[in-house]
Structure formats: structure tokens, C-alpha cells
Amino acid sequence: MRLGQSAEITRTYTADEVAELAALAGTSPAADTVPEPLIHALFSYLLGVELPGQGTNYLKQETAYLAPAPLGEALTARVEITRLRPDKHLVDLRTTCTTSDGTIIAEGRALVLAKDVVG
């Protein structure tokens, strides 16, 4: 791992997927937007599978939602390492989610505990 290293995933959610989430949660599906938990799922995937990857433990996530995420539109979630603390095995990352036209849907930061942190 190194400062500035990043990973991203692009995903388009369908109305059926939003309805499935609503059914599991016991709520009504959102009309034409992607619910925030599905955006958070993209960050969770990136942190646990891509960067830092397997063995990562979430400690903190702060996210500001700045715009609605349009249903049926490609969303790109990205995590980028902003600080490494090898003495404590901690990694700080910037998190963003944007639409295909560059609109920022969500931004924030994550703090994770990861193995193999080198300064």
C-alpha cells in the first residue's frame, strides 16, 4: 500500500434491486434513486476486496450525501489512501461516489485496520 493508491468500481442499480433491498428492510422502495445503503455497499466491497483487501476491518466511515443517485445510471465508487499509520496498522482513505457526468453523489472518509501497512 502507498499514499495515493486507489481502487474503484462502477455499478448500475436496477429498480428490481432497489425493490429487493426494500423488501429485505421492510420499507417502501425509493422512487427513482439509489438508496444510500447500496452506495455504502460499494465502499464496503472496495475496502474488503480491493484496497486494502481481505482481512480489512472497518473502524469508522463518514459520508456526506450531496446529490441523489439516479436509478439506472452508472455510479463509480472510489477509495484512495490518504494516510498510512503502520505503527497501528491503520489506513485512512478518501471515499467518493460519482455519476458518469462527474456529479459527486457522496464523499467522505474511511478508517480501517489492515494487515501489511508499511509507511
N, C-alpha and C. Protein backbone atom coordinates (compact mmCIF):
# COMPACT_ATOMS: atom_id res chain seq x y z
N MET A 1 0.84 -1.18 0.00
CA MET A 1 0.00 0.00 0.00
C MET A 1 0.88 1.24 0.00
N ARG A 2 0.38 2.28 -0.68
CA ARG A 2 1.12 3.54 -0.72
C ARG A 2 0.14 4.70 -0.78
N LEU A 3 0.59 5.87 -0.34
CA LEU A 3 -0.23 7.06 -0.42
C LEU A 3 -0.66 7.31 -1.86
N GLY A 4 -1.91 7.69 -2.04
CA GLY A 4 -2.44 7.97 -3.37
C GLY A 4 -2.96 6.74 -4.12
N GLN A 5 -2.65 5.56 -3.63
CA GLN A 5 -3.15 4.34 -4.29
C GLN A 5 -4.68 4.33 -4.19
N SER A 6 -5.33 3.88 -5.25
CA SER A 6 -6.79 3.91 -5.27
C SER A 6 -7.36 2.67 -5.93
N ALA A 7 -8.64 2.48 -5.72
CA ALA A 7 -9.40 1.41 -6.36
C ALA A 7 -10.80 1.96 -6.61
N GLU A 8 -11.44 1.47 -7.67
CA GLU A 8 -12.80 1.92 -7.95
C GLU A 8 -13.61 0.81 -8.59
N ILE A 9 -14.91 1.00 -8.50
CA ILE A 9 -15.86 0.07 -9.11
C ILE A 9 -17.00 0.90 -9.68
N THR A 10 -17.50 0.50 -10.83
CA THR A 10 -18.65 1.16 -11.43
C THR A 10 -19.80 0.18 -11.46
N ARG A 11 -20.96 0.64 -11.03
CA ARG A 11 -22.13 -0.24 -10.90
C ARG A 11 -23.38 0.53 -11.24
N THR A 12 -24.31 -0.11 -11.91
CA THR A 12 -25.63 0.45 -12.20
C THR A 12 -26.66 -0.38 -11.46
N TYR A 13 -27.49 0.28 -10.65
CA TYR A 13 -28.53 -0.43 -9.90
C TYR A 13 -29.85 -0.33 -10.65
N THR A 14 -30.61 -1.44 -10.62
CA THR A 14 -31.90 -1.50 -11.29
C THR A 14 -33.04 -1.30 -10.28
N ALA A 15 -34.21 -1.03 -10.80
CA ALA A 15 -35.40 -0.88 -9.95
C ALA A 15 -35.69 -2.17 -9.21
N ASP A 16 -35.45 -3.32 -9.84
CA ASP A 16 -35.67 -4.60 -9.17
C ASP A 16 -34.75 -4.78 -7.97
N GLU A 17 -33.49 -4.35 -8.10
CA GLU A 17 -32.55 -4.46 -6.98
C GLU A 17 -32.96 -3.56 -5.83
N VAL A 18 -33.42 -2.37 -6.14
CA VAL A 18 -33.88 -1.45 -5.10
C VAL A 18 -35.12 -2.03 -4.41
N ALA A 19 -36.00 -2.64 -5.18
CA ALA A 19 -37.19 -3.27 -4.61
C ALA A 19 -36.82 -4.44 -3.70
N GLU A 20 -35.80 -5.21 -4.10
CA GLU A 20 -35.34 -6.33 -3.26
C GLU A 20 -34.79 -5.81 -1.93
N LEU A 21 -34.01 -4.74 -1.97
CA LEU A 21 -33.49 -4.16 -0.74
C LEU A 21 -34.64 -3.68 0.15
N ALA A 22 -35.61 -3.02 -0.44
CA ALA A 22 -36.76 -2.53 0.32
C ALA A 22 -37.51 -3.68 0.96
N ALA A 23 -37.68 -4.78 0.24
CA ALA A 23 -38.37 -5.94 0.79
C ALA A 23 -37.60 -6.52 1.98
N LEU A 24 -36.28 -6.60 1.85
CA LEU A 24 -35.46 -7.12 2.96
C LEU A 24 -35.52 -6.20 4.16
N ALA A 25 -35.57 -4.90 3.92
CA ALA A 25 -35.59 -3.93 5.01
C ALA A 25 -36.99 -3.67 5.56
N GLY A 26 -38.00 -4.14 4.84
CA GLY A 26 -39.38 -3.92 5.28
C GLY A 26 -39.83 -2.49 5.06
N THR A 27 -39.31 -1.86 4.00
CA THR A 27 -39.67 -0.48 3.69
C THR A 27 -40.23 -0.39 2.27
N SER A 28 -40.63 0.79 1.89
CA SER A 28 -41.07 1.02 0.52
C SER A 28 -39.86 1.38 -0.34
N PRO A 29 -39.80 0.89 -1.59
CA PRO A 29 -38.65 1.23 -2.44
C PRO A 29 -38.63 2.71 -2.79
N ALA A 30 -37.42 3.24 -2.96
CA ALA A 30 -37.26 4.62 -3.40
C ALA A 30 -37.81 4.75 -4.81
N ALA A 31 -38.34 5.91 -5.13
CA ALA A 31 -38.98 6.13 -6.44
C ALA A 31 -38.01 5.99 -7.60
N ASP A 32 -37.02 6.84 -7.66
CA ASP A 32 -36.11 6.81 -8.81
C ASP A 32 -34.67 7.07 -8.42
N THR A 33 -34.34 6.78 -7.15
CA THR A 33 -32.98 6.98 -6.68
C THR A 33 -32.44 5.72 -6.00
N VAL A 34 -31.15 5.63 -5.97
CA VAL A 34 -30.47 4.51 -5.32
C VAL A 34 -30.37 4.82 -3.83
N PRO A 35 -30.83 3.92 -2.97
CA PRO A 35 -30.74 4.16 -1.53
C PRO A 35 -29.28 4.22 -1.06
N GLU A 36 -29.02 5.03 -0.04
CA GLU A 36 -27.67 5.21 0.48
C GLU A 36 -26.99 3.91 0.90
N PRO A 37 -27.70 2.92 1.49
CA PRO A 37 -27.01 1.68 1.85
C PRO A 37 -26.38 0.95 0.65
N LEU A 38 -26.96 1.10 -0.53
CA LEU A 38 -26.36 0.46 -1.70
C LEU A 38 -25.09 1.17 -2.14
N ILE A 39 -25.02 2.47 -1.92
CA ILE A 39 -23.79 3.20 -2.21
C ILE A 39 -22.71 2.80 -1.20
N HIS A 40 -23.10 2.73 0.07
CA HIS A 40 -22.16 2.27 1.10
C HIS A 40 -21.66 0.86 0.81
N ALA A 41 -22.49 0.03 0.22
CA ALA A 41 -22.07 -1.34 -0.13
C ALA A 41 -20.91 -1.31 -1.12
N LEU A 42 -20.90 -0.34 -2.01
CA LEU A 42 -19.79 -0.22 -2.96
C LEU A 42 -18.48 0.08 -2.23
N PHE A 43 -18.53 0.98 -1.25
CA PHE A 43 -17.33 1.27 -0.47
C PHE A 43 -16.90 0.03 0.32
N SER A 44 -17.85 -0.67 0.90
CA SER A 44 -17.53 -1.88 1.66
C SER A 44 -16.84 -2.91 0.77
N TYR A 45 -17.36 -3.09 -0.43
CA TYR A 45 -16.74 -4.02 -1.38
C TYR A 45 -15.30 -3.61 -1.65
N LEU A 46 -15.10 -2.34 -2.00
CA LEU A 46 -13.74 -1.89 -2.34
C LEU A 46 -12.77 -2.10 -1.18
N LEU A 47 -13.17 -1.73 0.02
CA LEU A 47 -12.29 -1.84 1.18
C LEU A 47 -11.99 -3.29 1.54
N GLY A 48 -12.97 -4.15 1.42
CA GLY A 48 -12.79 -5.54 1.84
C GLY A 48 -12.21 -6.45 0.78
N VAL A 49 -12.33 -6.07 -0.49
CA VAL A 49 -11.88 -6.94 -1.57
C VAL A 49 -10.71 -6.35 -2.36
N GLU A 50 -10.74 -5.04 -2.59
CA GLU A 50 -9.74 -4.42 -3.46
C GLU A 50 -8.61 -3.71 -2.70
N LEU A 51 -8.95 -2.75 -1.86
CA LEU A 51 -7.94 -1.92 -1.20
C LEU A 51 -8.43 -1.46 0.16
N PRO A 52 -7.85 -1.86 1.23
CA PRO A 52 -6.69 -2.70 1.38
C PRO A 52 -6.93 -4.17 1.04
N GLY A 53 -8.17 -4.65 1.11
CA GLY A 53 -8.45 -6.04 0.71
C GLY A 53 -8.77 -6.95 1.87
N GLN A 54 -8.62 -8.24 1.61
CA GLN A 54 -9.01 -9.27 2.58
C GLN A 54 -8.34 -9.04 3.93
N GLY A 55 -9.11 -9.21 4.99
CA GLY A 55 -8.62 -9.03 6.34
C GLY A 55 -8.80 -7.62 6.88
N THR A 56 -9.36 -6.72 6.06
CA THR A 56 -9.59 -5.34 6.48
C THR A 56 -10.76 -5.27 7.45
N ASN A 57 -10.61 -4.47 8.49
CA ASN A 57 -11.69 -4.24 9.45
C ASN A 57 -12.06 -2.77 9.45
N TYR A 58 -13.35 -2.50 9.21
CA TYR A 58 -13.88 -1.13 9.26
C TYR A 58 -13.80 -0.61 10.69
N LEU A 59 -13.28 0.57 10.88
CA LEU A 59 -13.33 1.22 12.18
C LEU A 59 -14.26 2.42 12.18
N LYS A 60 -14.22 3.19 11.08
CA LYS A 60 -15.05 4.38 11.01
C LYS A 60 -15.33 4.72 9.55
N GLN A 61 -16.54 5.22 9.29
CA GLN A 61 -16.90 5.70 7.96
C GLN A 61 -17.72 6.97 8.14
N GLU A 62 -17.31 8.02 7.47
CA GLU A 62 -18.06 9.27 7.45
C GLU A 62 -18.41 9.56 6.00
N THR A 63 -19.68 9.78 5.73
CA THR A 63 -20.11 10.03 4.36
C THR A 63 -21.12 11.16 4.34
N ALA A 64 -20.89 12.12 3.46
CA ALA A 64 -21.84 13.19 3.21
C ALA A 64 -22.49 12.90 1.85
N TYR A 65 -23.80 12.84 1.82
CA TYR A 65 -24.52 12.63 0.57
C TYR A 65 -24.91 13.99 0.01
N LEU A 66 -24.39 14.30 -1.17
CA LEU A 66 -24.51 15.63 -1.74
C LEU A 66 -25.56 15.76 -2.83
N ALA A 67 -25.94 14.64 -3.43
CA ALA A 67 -26.93 14.65 -4.51
C ALA A 67 -27.59 13.28 -4.56
N PRO A 68 -28.81 13.19 -5.08
CA PRO A 68 -29.46 11.90 -5.23
C PRO A 68 -28.72 11.06 -6.29
N ALA A 69 -28.66 9.76 -6.06
CA ALA A 69 -28.05 8.84 -7.02
C ALA A 69 -29.14 8.33 -7.95
N PRO A 70 -29.09 8.71 -9.22
CA PRO A 70 -30.15 8.31 -10.15
C PRO A 70 -30.17 6.80 -10.40
N LEU A 71 -31.34 6.25 -10.31
CA LEU A 71 -31.54 4.82 -10.59
C LEU A 71 -31.28 4.56 -12.07
N GLY A 72 -30.57 3.48 -12.38
CA GLY A 72 -30.31 3.11 -13.76
C GLY A 72 -29.12 3.82 -14.39
N GLU A 73 -28.41 4.63 -13.60
CA GLU A 73 -27.24 5.33 -14.12
C GLU A 73 -25.98 4.74 -13.49
N ALA A 74 -24.91 4.67 -14.27
CA ALA A 74 -23.65 4.15 -13.77
C ALA A 74 -23.11 5.04 -12.65
N LEU A 75 -22.78 4.42 -11.53
CA LEU A 75 -22.18 5.11 -10.39
C LEU A 75 -20.79 4.54 -10.18
N THR A 76 -19.83 5.41 -9.98
CA THR A 76 -18.46 4.96 -9.74
C THR A 76 -18.06 5.33 -8.31
N ALA A 77 -17.78 4.29 -7.52
CA ALA A 77 -17.29 4.48 -6.15
C ALA A 77 -15.78 4.32 -6.19
N ARG A 78 -15.11 5.16 -5.41
CA ARG A 78 -13.64 5.17 -5.40
C ARG A 78 -13.14 5.35 -3.99
N VAL A 79 -12.08 4.64 -3.65
CA VAL A 79 -11.38 4.83 -2.39
C VAL A 79 -9.92 5.14 -2.71
N GLU A 80 -9.33 6.08 -1.96
CA GLU A 80 -7.95 6.48 -2.18
C GLU A 80 -7.24 6.63 -0.84
N ILE A 81 -6.08 6.04 -0.72
CA ILE A 81 -5.31 6.11 0.52
C ILE A 81 -4.78 7.53 0.72
N THR A 82 -5.11 8.11 1.88
CA THR A 82 -4.65 9.46 2.20
C THR A 82 -3.64 9.48 3.34
N ARG A 83 -3.60 8.41 4.11
CA ARG A 83 -2.65 8.34 5.23
C ARG A 83 -2.43 6.89 5.62
N LEU A 84 -1.18 6.56 5.90
CA LEU A 84 -0.82 5.23 6.40
C LEU A 84 -0.19 5.38 7.78
N ARG A 85 -0.65 4.56 8.72
CA ARG A 85 -0.09 4.57 10.07
C ARG A 85 0.35 3.16 10.42
N PRO A 86 1.55 2.77 9.93
CA PRO A 86 2.00 1.39 10.10
C PRO A 86 2.13 0.95 11.56
N ASP A 87 2.47 1.89 12.47
CA ASP A 87 2.63 1.53 13.87
C ASP A 87 1.34 1.00 14.48
N LYS A 88 0.20 1.41 13.93
CA LYS A 88 -1.10 0.97 14.45
C LYS A 88 -1.88 0.14 13.43
N HIS A 89 -1.28 -0.13 12.28
CA HIS A 89 -1.93 -0.88 11.20
C HIS A 89 -3.21 -0.18 10.70
N LEU A 90 -3.16 1.16 10.66
CA LEU A 90 -4.32 1.94 10.25
C LEU A 90 -4.11 2.55 8.87
N VAL A 91 -5.22 2.63 8.13
CA VAL A 91 -5.22 3.23 6.81
C VAL A 91 -6.41 4.19 6.74
N ASP A 92 -6.14 5.44 6.37
CA ASP A 92 -7.18 6.44 6.13
C ASP A 92 -7.40 6.51 4.62
N LEU A 93 -8.65 6.56 4.21
CA LEU A 93 -8.97 6.63 2.79
C LEU A 93 -10.04 7.68 2.52
N ARG A 94 -9.91 8.36 1.41
CA ARG A 94 -10.96 9.26 0.92
C ARG A 94 -11.93 8.39 0.13
N THR A 95 -13.23 8.63 0.31
CA THR A 95 -14.25 7.87 -0.41
C THR A 95 -15.10 8.83 -1.23
N THR A 96 -15.36 8.46 -2.48
CA THR A 96 -16.24 9.27 -3.33
C THR A 96 -17.10 8.36 -4.19
N CYS A 97 -18.27 8.87 -4.54
CA CYS A 97 -19.14 8.19 -5.50
C CYS A 97 -19.66 9.25 -6.46
N THR A 98 -19.47 9.01 -7.75
CA THR A 98 -19.86 9.98 -8.77
C THR A 98 -20.71 9.33 -9.86
N THR A 99 -21.45 10.16 -10.55
CA THR A 99 -22.20 9.70 -11.72
C THR A 99 -21.28 9.76 -12.93
N SER A 100 -21.76 9.27 -14.06
CA SER A 100 -20.94 9.26 -15.28
C SER A 100 -20.61 10.66 -15.77
N ASP A 101 -21.40 11.66 -15.41
CA ASP A 101 -21.10 13.04 -15.84
C ASP A 101 -20.25 13.79 -14.81
N GLY A 102 -19.81 13.09 -13.75
CA GLY A 102 -18.92 13.69 -12.76
C GLY A 102 -19.61 14.29 -11.56
N THR A 103 -20.94 14.22 -11.49
CA THR A 103 -21.65 14.73 -10.32
C THR A 103 -21.25 13.91 -9.09
N ILE A 104 -20.85 14.61 -8.03
CA ILE A 104 -20.47 13.92 -6.80
C ILE A 104 -21.74 13.59 -6.01
N ILE A 105 -21.99 12.31 -5.86
CA ILE A 105 -23.15 11.82 -5.11
C ILE A 105 -22.83 11.78 -3.62
N ALA A 106 -21.64 11.27 -3.29
CA ALA A 106 -21.24 11.12 -1.90
C ALA A 106 -19.73 11.28 -1.79
N GLU A 107 -19.30 11.83 -0.65
CA GLU A 107 -17.87 11.90 -0.38
C GLU A 107 -17.66 11.81 1.11
N GLY A 108 -16.49 11.33 1.48
CA GLY A 108 -16.18 11.19 2.89
C GLY A 108 -14.84 10.53 3.10
N ARG A 109 -14.76 9.81 4.23
CA ARG A 109 -13.52 9.13 4.54
C ARG A 109 -13.82 7.86 5.30
N ALA A 110 -12.86 6.95 5.23
CA ALA A 110 -12.96 5.69 5.96
C ALA A 110 -11.65 5.48 6.71
N LEU A 111 -11.75 4.89 7.87
CA LEU A 111 -10.59 4.48 8.65
C LEU A 111 -10.70 2.98 8.84
N VAL A 112 -9.66 2.26 8.43
CA VAL A 112 -9.69 0.81 8.52
C VAL A 112 -8.43 0.29 9.19
N LEU A 113 -8.56 -0.88 9.77
CA LEU A 113 -7.45 -1.62 10.33
C LEU A 113 -7.07 -2.66 9.29
N ALA A 114 -5.80 -2.66 8.90
CA ALA A 114 -5.38 -3.57 7.82
C ALA A 114 -4.03 -4.18 8.15
N LYS A 115 -3.82 -5.39 7.67
CA LYS A 115 -2.51 -6.01 7.85
C LYS A 115 -1.57 -5.49 6.79
N ASP A 116 -0.29 -5.66 6.98
CA ASP A 116 0.73 -5.28 5.99
C ASP A 116 0.76 -3.81 5.66
N VAL A 117 0.53 -2.94 6.64
CA VAL A 117 0.61 -1.49 6.41
C VAL A 117 2.08 -1.08 6.57
N VAL A 118 2.62 -0.50 5.50
CA VAL A 118 4.00 -0.04 5.50
C VAL A 118 4.02 1.45 5.24
N GLY A 119 4.80 2.20 5.95
CA GLY A 119 4.82 3.65 5.82
C GLY A 119 5.64 4.19 4.69
